[in-house]
PDB file of all heavy atoms in Angstrom:
ATOM      1  N   ARG A   1       0.848  -1.183   0.000  1.00  0.00           N
ATOM      2  CA  ARG A   1       0.000   0.000   0.000  1.00  0.00           C
ATOM      3  C   ARG A   1       0.886   1.236   0.000  1.00  0.00           C
ATOM      4  O   ARG A   1       1.962   1.238   0.601  1.00  0.00           O
ATOM      5  CB  ARG A   1      -0.914   0.036   1.235  1.00  0.00           C
ATOM      6  CG  ARG A   1      -1.878  -1.142   1.338  1.00  0.00           C
ATOM      7  CD  ARG A   1      -2.973  -1.044   0.257  1.00  0.00           C
ATOM      8  NE  ARG A   1      -3.952  -2.111   0.401  1.00  0.00           N
ATOM      9  CZ  ARG A   1      -3.846  -3.315  -0.109  1.00  0.00           C
ATOM     10  NH1 ARG A   1      -2.753  -3.631  -0.821  1.00  0.00           N
ATOM     11  NH2 ARG A   1      -4.782  -4.225   0.053  1.00  0.00           N
ATOM     12  N   GLU A   2       0.421   2.310  -0.648  1.00  0.00           N
ATOM     13  CA  GLU A   2       1.235   3.523  -0.738  1.00  0.00           C
ATOM     14  C   GLU A   2       1.481   4.148   0.631  1.00  0.00           C
ATOM     15  O   GLU A   2       2.505   4.798   0.844  1.00  0.00           O
ATOM     16  CB  GLU A   2       0.535   4.545  -1.655  1.00  0.00           C
ATOM     17  CG  GLU A   2       0.523   4.148  -3.132  1.00  0.00           C
ATOM     18  CD  GLU A   2      -0.074   5.226  -4.011  1.00  0.00           C
ATOM     19  OE1 GLU A   2      -0.483   6.269  -3.439  1.00  0.00           O
ATOM     20  OE2 GLU A   2      -0.124   5.041  -5.238  1.00  0.00           O
ATOM     21  N   ASN A   3       0.549   3.968   1.559  1.00  0.00           N
ATOM     22  CA  ASN A   3       0.695   4.595   2.872  1.00  0.00           C
ATOM     23  C   ASN A   3       1.396   3.696   3.888  1.00  0.00           C
ATOM     24  O   ASN A   3       1.391   3.971   5.079  1.00  0.00           O
ATOM     25  CB  ASN A   3      -0.672   5.021   3.414  1.00  0.00           C
ATOM     26  CG  ASN A   3      -1.612   3.844   3.594  1.00  0.00           C
ATOM     27  OD1 ASN A   3      -1.415   2.787   3.001  1.00  0.00           O
ATOM     28  ND2 ASN A   3      -2.641   4.030   4.410  1.00  0.00           N
ATOM     29  N   ILE A   4       1.989   2.591   3.427  1.00  0.00           N
ATOM     30  CA  ILE A   4       2.724   1.691   4.312  1.00  0.00           C
ATOM     31  C   ILE A   4       4.185   1.642   3.879  1.00  0.00           C
ATOM     32  O   ILE A   4       4.498   1.400   2.711  1.00  0.00           O
ATOM     33  CB  ILE A   4       2.130   0.266   4.285  1.00  0.00           C
ATOM     34  CG1 ILE A   4       0.721   0.266   4.877  1.00  0.00           C
ATOM     35  CG2 ILE A   4       3.023  -0.696   5.076  1.00  0.00           C
ATOM     36  CD1 ILE A   4       0.054  -1.094   4.853  1.00  0.00           C
ATOM     37  N   THR A   5       5.077   1.902   4.809  1.00  0.00           N
ATOM     38  CA  THR A   5       6.516   1.812   4.562  1.00  0.00           C
ATOM     39  C   THR A   5       7.056   0.590   5.284  1.00  0.00           C
ATOM     40  O   THR A   5       6.799   0.411   6.481  1.00  0.00           O
ATOM     41  CB  THR A   5       7.237   3.070   5.074  1.00  0.00           C
ATOM     42  OG1 THR A   5       6.729   4.213   4.385  1.00  0.00           O
ATOM     43  CG2 THR A   5       8.740   2.961   4.836  1.00  0.00           C
ATOM     44  N   VAL A   6       7.782  -0.236   4.579  1.00  0.00           N
ATOM     45  CA  VAL A   6       8.362  -1.445   5.160  1.00  0.00           C
ATOM     46  C   VAL A   6       9.867  -1.244   5.311  1.00  0.00           C
ATOM     47  O   VAL A   6      10.563  -0.904   4.349  1.00  0.00           O
ATOM     48  CB  VAL A   6       8.081  -2.680   4.275  1.00  0.00           C
ATOM     49  CG1 VAL A   6       8.755  -3.916   4.873  1.00  0.00           C
ATOM     50  CG2 VAL A   6       6.587  -2.911   4.132  1.00  0.00           C
ATOM     51  N   ARG A   7      10.367  -1.445   6.505  1.00  0.00           N
ATOM     52  CA  ARG A   7      11.804  -1.393   6.754  1.00  0.00           C
ATOM     53  C   ARG A   7      12.248  -2.770   7.241  1.00  0.00           C
ATOM     54  O   ARG A   7      11.727  -3.266   8.240  1.00  0.00           O
ATOM     55  CB  ARG A   7      12.137  -0.359   7.826  1.00  0.00           C
ATOM     56  CG  ARG A   7      11.877   1.073   7.457  1.00  0.00           C
ATOM     57  CD  ARG A   7      12.583   1.960   8.478  1.00  0.00           C
ATOM     58  NE  ARG A   7      11.958   3.260   8.610  1.00  0.00           N
ATOM     59  CZ  ARG A   7      12.332   4.160   9.516  1.00  0.00           C
ATOM     60  NH1 ARG A   7      13.299   3.868  10.368  1.00  0.00           N
ATOM     61  NH2 ARG A   7      11.730   5.333   9.574  1.00  0.00           N
ATOM     62  N   LEU A   8      13.201  -3.355   6.553  1.00  0.00           N
ATOM     63  CA  LEU A   8      13.725  -4.654   6.939  1.00  0.00           C
ATOM     64  C   LEU A   8      15.064  -4.500   7.651  1.00  0.00           C
ATOM     65  O   LEU A   8      15.758  -3.492   7.462  1.00  0.00           O
ATOM     66  CB  LEU A   8      13.881  -5.557   5.710  1.00  0.00           C
ATOM     67  CG  LEU A   8      12.596  -5.808   4.903  1.00  0.00           C
ATOM     68  CD1 LEU A   8      12.909  -6.655   3.676  1.00  0.00           C
ATOM     69  CD2 LEU A   8      11.542  -6.483   5.758  1.00  0.00           C
ATOM     70  N   SER A   9      15.412  -5.484   8.468  1.00  0.00           N
ATOM     71  CA  SER A   9      16.683  -5.465   9.218  1.00  0.00           C
ATOM     72  C   SER A   9      16.837  -4.152   9.973  1.00  0.00           C
ATOM     73  O   SER A   9      17.909  -3.528   9.980  1.00  0.00           O
ATOM     74  CB  SER A   9      17.870  -5.675   8.265  1.00  0.00           C
ATOM     75  OG  SER A   9      17.748  -6.889   7.565  1.00  0.00           O
ATOM     76  N   CYS A  10      15.754  -3.732  10.577  1.00  0.00           N
ATOM     77  CA  CYS A  10      15.730  -2.449  11.277  1.00  0.00           C
ATOM     78  C   CYS A  10      15.424  -2.695  12.748  1.00  0.00           C
ATOM     79  O   CYS A  10      14.388  -3.281  13.084  1.00  0.00           O
ATOM     80  CB  CYS A  10      14.662  -1.541  10.654  1.00  0.00           C
ATOM     81  SG  CYS A  10      14.469   0.037  11.484  1.00  0.00           S
ATOM     82  N   ASP A  11      16.309  -2.272  13.627  1.00  0.00           N
ATOM     83  CA  ASP A  11      16.121  -2.436  15.064  1.00  0.00           C
ATOM     84  C   ASP A  11      15.138  -1.386  15.571  1.00  0.00           C
ATOM     85  O   ASP A  11      15.357  -0.187  15.422  1.00  0.00           O
ATOM     86  CB  ASP A  11      17.464  -2.291  15.779  1.00  0.00           C
ATOM     87  CG  ASP A  11      17.378  -2.580  17.275  1.00  0.00           C
ATOM     88  OD1 ASP A  11      16.257  -2.756  17.791  1.00  0.00           O
ATOM     89  OD2 ASP A  11      18.442  -2.644  17.926  1.00  0.00           O
ATOM     90  N   TYR A  12      14.056  -1.851  16.163  1.00  0.00           N
ATOM     91  CA  TYR A  12      13.040  -0.928  16.686  1.00  0.00           C
ATOM     92  C   TYR A  12      13.666   0.089  17.645  1.00  0.00           C
ATOM     93  O   TYR A  12      13.317   1.279  17.631  1.00  0.00           O
ATOM     94  CB  TYR A  12      11.939  -1.713  17.397  1.00  0.00           C
ATOM     95  CG  TYR A  12      10.976  -0.864  18.191  1.00  0.00           C
ATOM     96  CD1 TYR A  12       9.929  -0.181  17.562  1.00  0.00           C
ATOM     97  CD2 TYR A  12      11.115  -0.725  19.571  1.00  0.00           C
ATOM     98  CE1 TYR A  12       9.065   0.614  18.286  1.00  0.00           C
ATOM     99  CE2 TYR A  12      10.243   0.066  20.298  1.00  0.00           C
ATOM    100  CZ  TYR A  12       9.227   0.736  19.656  1.00  0.00           C
ATOM    101  OH  TYR A  12       8.368   1.528  20.373  1.00  0.00           O
ATOM    102  N   PHE A  13      14.603  -0.374  18.462  1.00  0.00           N
ATOM    103  CA  PHE A  13      15.192   0.498  19.470  1.00  0.00           C
ATOM    104  C   PHE A  13      16.246   1.443  18.887  1.00  0.00           C
ATOM    105  O   PHE A  13      16.782   2.295  19.596  1.00  0.00           O
ATOM    106  CB  PHE A  13      15.794  -0.350  20.594  1.00  0.00           C
ATOM    107  CG  PHE A  13      14.768  -1.228  21.261  1.00  0.00           C
ATOM    108  CD1 PHE A  13      14.676  -2.576  20.947  1.00  0.00           C
ATOM    109  CD2 PHE A  13      13.870  -0.691  22.161  1.00  0.00           C
ATOM    110  CE1 PHE A  13      13.719  -3.372  21.538  1.00  0.00           C
ATOM    111  CE2 PHE A  13      12.904  -1.483  22.763  1.00  0.00           C
ATOM    112  CZ  PHE A  13      12.824  -2.826  22.450  1.00  0.00           C
ATOM    113  N   GLY A  14      16.513   1.276  17.588  1.00  0.00           N
ATOM    114  CA  GLY A  14      17.424   2.194  16.931  1.00  0.00           C
ATOM    115  C   GLY A  14      16.703   3.319  16.205  1.00  0.00           C
ATOM    116  O   GLY A  14      17.334   4.216  15.644  1.00  0.00           O
ATOM    117  N   ILE A  15      15.381   3.297  16.218  1.00  0.00           N
ATOM    118  CA  ILE A  15      14.592   4.326  15.549  1.00  0.00           C
ATOM    119  C   ILE A  15      14.555   5.585  16.412  1.00  0.00           C
ATOM    120  O   ILE A  15      14.428   5.517  17.640  1.00  0.00           O
ATOM    121  CB  ILE A  15      13.158   3.823  15.295  1.00  0.00           C
ATOM    122  CG1 ILE A  15      13.174   2.595  14.382  1.00  0.00           C
ATOM    123  CG2 ILE A  15      12.290   4.920  14.683  1.00  0.00           C
ATOM    124  CD1 ILE A  15      11.815   1.953  14.198  1.00  0.00           C
ATOM    125  N   ASP A  16      14.637   6.732  15.782  1.00  0.00           N
ATOM    126  CA  ASP A  16      14.534   8.008  16.489  1.00  0.00           C
ATOM    127  C   ASP A  16      13.144   8.100  17.119  1.00  0.00           C
ATOM    128  O   ASP A  16      12.133   8.165  16.418  1.00  0.00           O
ATOM    129  CB  ASP A  16      14.753   9.155  15.497  1.00  0.00           C
ATOM    130  CG  ASP A  16      14.701  10.529  16.174  1.00  0.00           C
ATOM    131  OD1 ASP A  16      14.420  10.595  17.393  1.00  0.00           O
ATOM    132  OD2 ASP A  16      14.902  11.532  15.467  1.00  0.00           O
ATOM    133  N   SER A  17      13.084   8.091  18.433  1.00  0.00           N
ATOM    134  CA  SER A  17      11.791   8.058  19.131  1.00  0.00           C
ATOM    135  C   SER A  17      10.919   9.268  18.812  1.00  0.00           C
ATOM    136  O   SER A  17       9.692   9.191  18.882  1.00  0.00           O
ATOM    137  CB  SER A  17      12.019   7.972  20.644  1.00  0.00           C
ATOM    138  OG  SER A  17      12.766   9.088  21.109  1.00  0.00           O
ATOM    139  N   SER A  18      11.530  10.394  18.443  1.00  0.00           N
ATOM    140  CA  SER A  18      10.741  11.598  18.151  1.00  0.00           C
ATOM    141  C   SER A  18       9.883  11.430  16.898  1.00  0.00           C
ATOM    142  O   SER A  18       8.870  12.117  16.735  1.00  0.00           O
ATOM    143  CB  SER A  18      11.668  12.808  17.984  1.00  0.00           C
ATOM    144  OG  SER A  18      12.520  12.644  16.848  1.00  0.00           O
ATOM    145  N   THR A  19      10.281  10.506  16.009  1.00  0.00           N
ATOM    146  CA  THR A  19       9.533  10.307  14.763  1.00  0.00           C
ATOM    147  C   THR A  19       8.293   9.446  14.968  1.00  0.00           C
ATOM    148  O   THR A  19       7.432   9.383  14.092  1.00  0.00           O
ATOM    149  CB  THR A  19      10.421   9.644  13.690  1.00  0.00           C
ATOM    150  OG1 THR A  19      10.800   8.332  14.138  1.00  0.00           O
ATOM    151  CG2 THR A  19      11.661  10.471  13.440  1.00  0.00           C
ATOM    152  N   ILE A  20       8.202   8.781  16.109  1.00  0.00           N
ATOM    153  CA  ILE A  20       7.056   7.902  16.344  1.00  0.00           C
ATOM    154  C   ILE A  20       6.352   8.204  17.667  1.00  0.00           C
ATOM    155  O   ILE A  20       5.475   7.468  18.097  1.00  0.00           O
ATOM    156  CB  ILE A  20       7.485   6.415  16.353  1.00  0.00           C
ATOM    157  CG1 ILE A  20       8.560   6.166  17.411  1.00  0.00           C
ATOM    158  CG2 ILE A  20       7.966   5.988  14.978  1.00  0.00           C
ATOM    159  CD1 ILE A  20       8.941   4.700  17.577  1.00  0.00           C
ATOM    160  N   SER A  21       6.702   9.315  18.286  1.00  0.00           N
ATOM    161  CA  SER A  21       6.193   9.613  19.625  1.00  0.00           C
ATOM    162  C   SER A  21       4.684   9.790  19.661  1.00  0.00           C
ATOM    163  O   SER A  21       4.044   9.513  20.682  1.00  0.00           O
ATOM    164  CB  SER A  21       6.883  10.863  20.184  1.00  0.00           C
ATOM    165  OG  SER A  21       6.680  11.975  19.313  1.00  0.00           O
ATOM    166  N   ASN A  22       4.096  10.259  18.559  1.00  0.00           N
ATOM    167  CA  ASN A  22       2.647  10.482  18.537  1.00  0.00           C
ATOM    168  C   ASN A  22       1.896   9.418  17.746  1.00  0.00           C
ATOM    169  O   ASN A  22       0.726   9.588  17.412  1.00  0.00           O
ATOM    170  CB  ASN A  22       2.340  11.867  17.944  1.00  0.00           C
ATOM    171  CG  ASN A  22       2.867  12.988  18.825  1.00  0.00           C
ATOM    172  OD1 ASN A  22       2.743  12.925  20.048  1.00  0.00           O
ATOM    173  ND2 ASN A  22       3.458  13.998  18.210  1.00  0.00           N
ATOM    174  N   CYS A  23       2.576   8.315  17.433  1.00  0.00           N
ATOM    175  CA  CYS A  23       1.963   7.254  16.642  1.00  0.00           C
ATOM    176  C   CYS A  23       1.388   6.162  17.553  1.00  0.00           C
ATOM    177  O   CYS A  23       1.837   5.968  18.680  1.00  0.00           O
ATOM    178  CB  CYS A  23       3.004   6.619  15.716  1.00  0.00           C
ATOM    179  SG  CYS A  23       3.723   7.746  14.500  1.00  0.00           S
ATOM    180  N   THR A  24       0.392   5.465  17.027  1.00  0.00           N
ATOM    181  CA  THR A  24      -0.077   4.250  17.682  1.00  0.00           C
ATOM    182  C   THR A  24       0.822   3.109  17.226  1.00  0.00           C
ATOM    183  O   THR A  24       0.966   2.855  16.031  1.00  0.00           O
ATOM    184  CB  THR A  24      -1.538   3.939  17.311  1.00  0.00           C
ATOM    185  OG1 THR A  24      -2.365   4.988  17.803  1.00  0.00           O
ATOM    186  CG2 THR A  24      -1.991   2.617  17.904  1.00  0.00           C
ATOM    187  N   ILE A  25       1.430   2.418  18.146  1.00  0.00           N
ATOM    188  CA  ILE A  25       2.417   1.394  17.832  1.00  0.00           C
ATOM    189  C   ILE A  25       1.892   0.024  18.217  1.00  0.00           C
ATOM    190  O   ILE A  25       1.400  -0.184  19.329  1.00  0.00           O
ATOM    191  CB  ILE A  25       3.747   1.675  18.567  1.00  0.00           C
ATOM    192  CG1 ILE A  25       4.347   2.998  18.084  1.00  0.00           C
ATOM    193  CG2 ILE A  25       4.741   0.528  18.352  1.00  0.00           C
ATOM    194  CD1 ILE A  25       5.540   3.452  18.904  1.00  0.00           C
ATOM    195  N   ILE A  26       1.964  -0.917  17.267  1.00  0.00           N
ATOM    196  CA  ILE A  26       1.662  -2.325  17.538  1.00  0.00           C
ATOM    197  C   ILE A  26       3.002  -3.031  17.657  1.00  0.00           C
ATOM    198  O   ILE A  26       3.724  -3.190  16.668  1.00  0.00           O
ATOM    199  CB  ILE A  26       0.823  -2.962  16.420  1.00  0.00           C
ATOM    200  CG1 ILE A  26      -0.417  -2.126  16.123  1.00  0.00           C
ATOM    201  CG2 ILE A  26       0.453  -4.400  16.801  1.00  0.00           C
ATOM    202  CD1 ILE A  26      -1.396  -2.015  17.256  1.00  0.00           C
ATOM    203  N   TYR A  27       3.352  -3.454  18.848  1.00  0.00           N
ATOM    204  CA  TYR A  27       4.645  -4.088  19.095  1.00  0.00           C
ATOM    205  C   TYR A  27       4.446  -5.598  19.203  1.00  0.00           C
ATOM    206  O   TYR A  27       3.689  -6.080  20.046  1.00  0.00           O
ATOM    207  CB  TYR A  27       5.264  -3.538  20.381  1.00  0.00           C
ATOM    208  CG  TYR A  27       6.621  -4.131  20.702  1.00  0.00           C
ATOM    209  CD1 TYR A  27       7.781  -3.643  20.100  1.00  0.00           C
ATOM    210  CD2 TYR A  27       6.746  -5.182  21.605  1.00  0.00           C
ATOM    211  CE1 TYR A  27       9.032  -4.186  20.387  1.00  0.00           C
ATOM    212  CE2 TYR A  27       7.993  -5.734  21.899  1.00  0.00           C
ATOM    213  CZ  TYR A  27       9.122  -5.233  21.284  1.00  0.00           C
ATOM    214  OH  TYR A  27      10.345  -5.779  21.565  1.00  0.00           O
ATOM    215  N   SER A  28       5.136  -6.365  18.340  1.00  0.00           N
ATOM    216  CA  SER A  28       4.989  -7.824  18.335  1.00  0.00           C
ATOM    217  C   SER A  28       6.299  -8.541  18.633  1.00  0.00           C
ATOM    218  O   SER A  28       6.419  -9.740  18.407  1.00  0.00           O
ATOM    219  CB  SER A  28       4.436  -8.297  16.978  1.00  0.00           C
ATOM    220  OG  SER A  28       5.321  -7.947  15.928  1.00  0.00           O
TER     221      SER A  28
END
């Protein structure tokens, strides 16, 4: 889908927290 970005080999804890601070996160 155009509104979905897939990142592979990406450590969740390496993501800049400011970019997802206001997002709803599903953690699996």
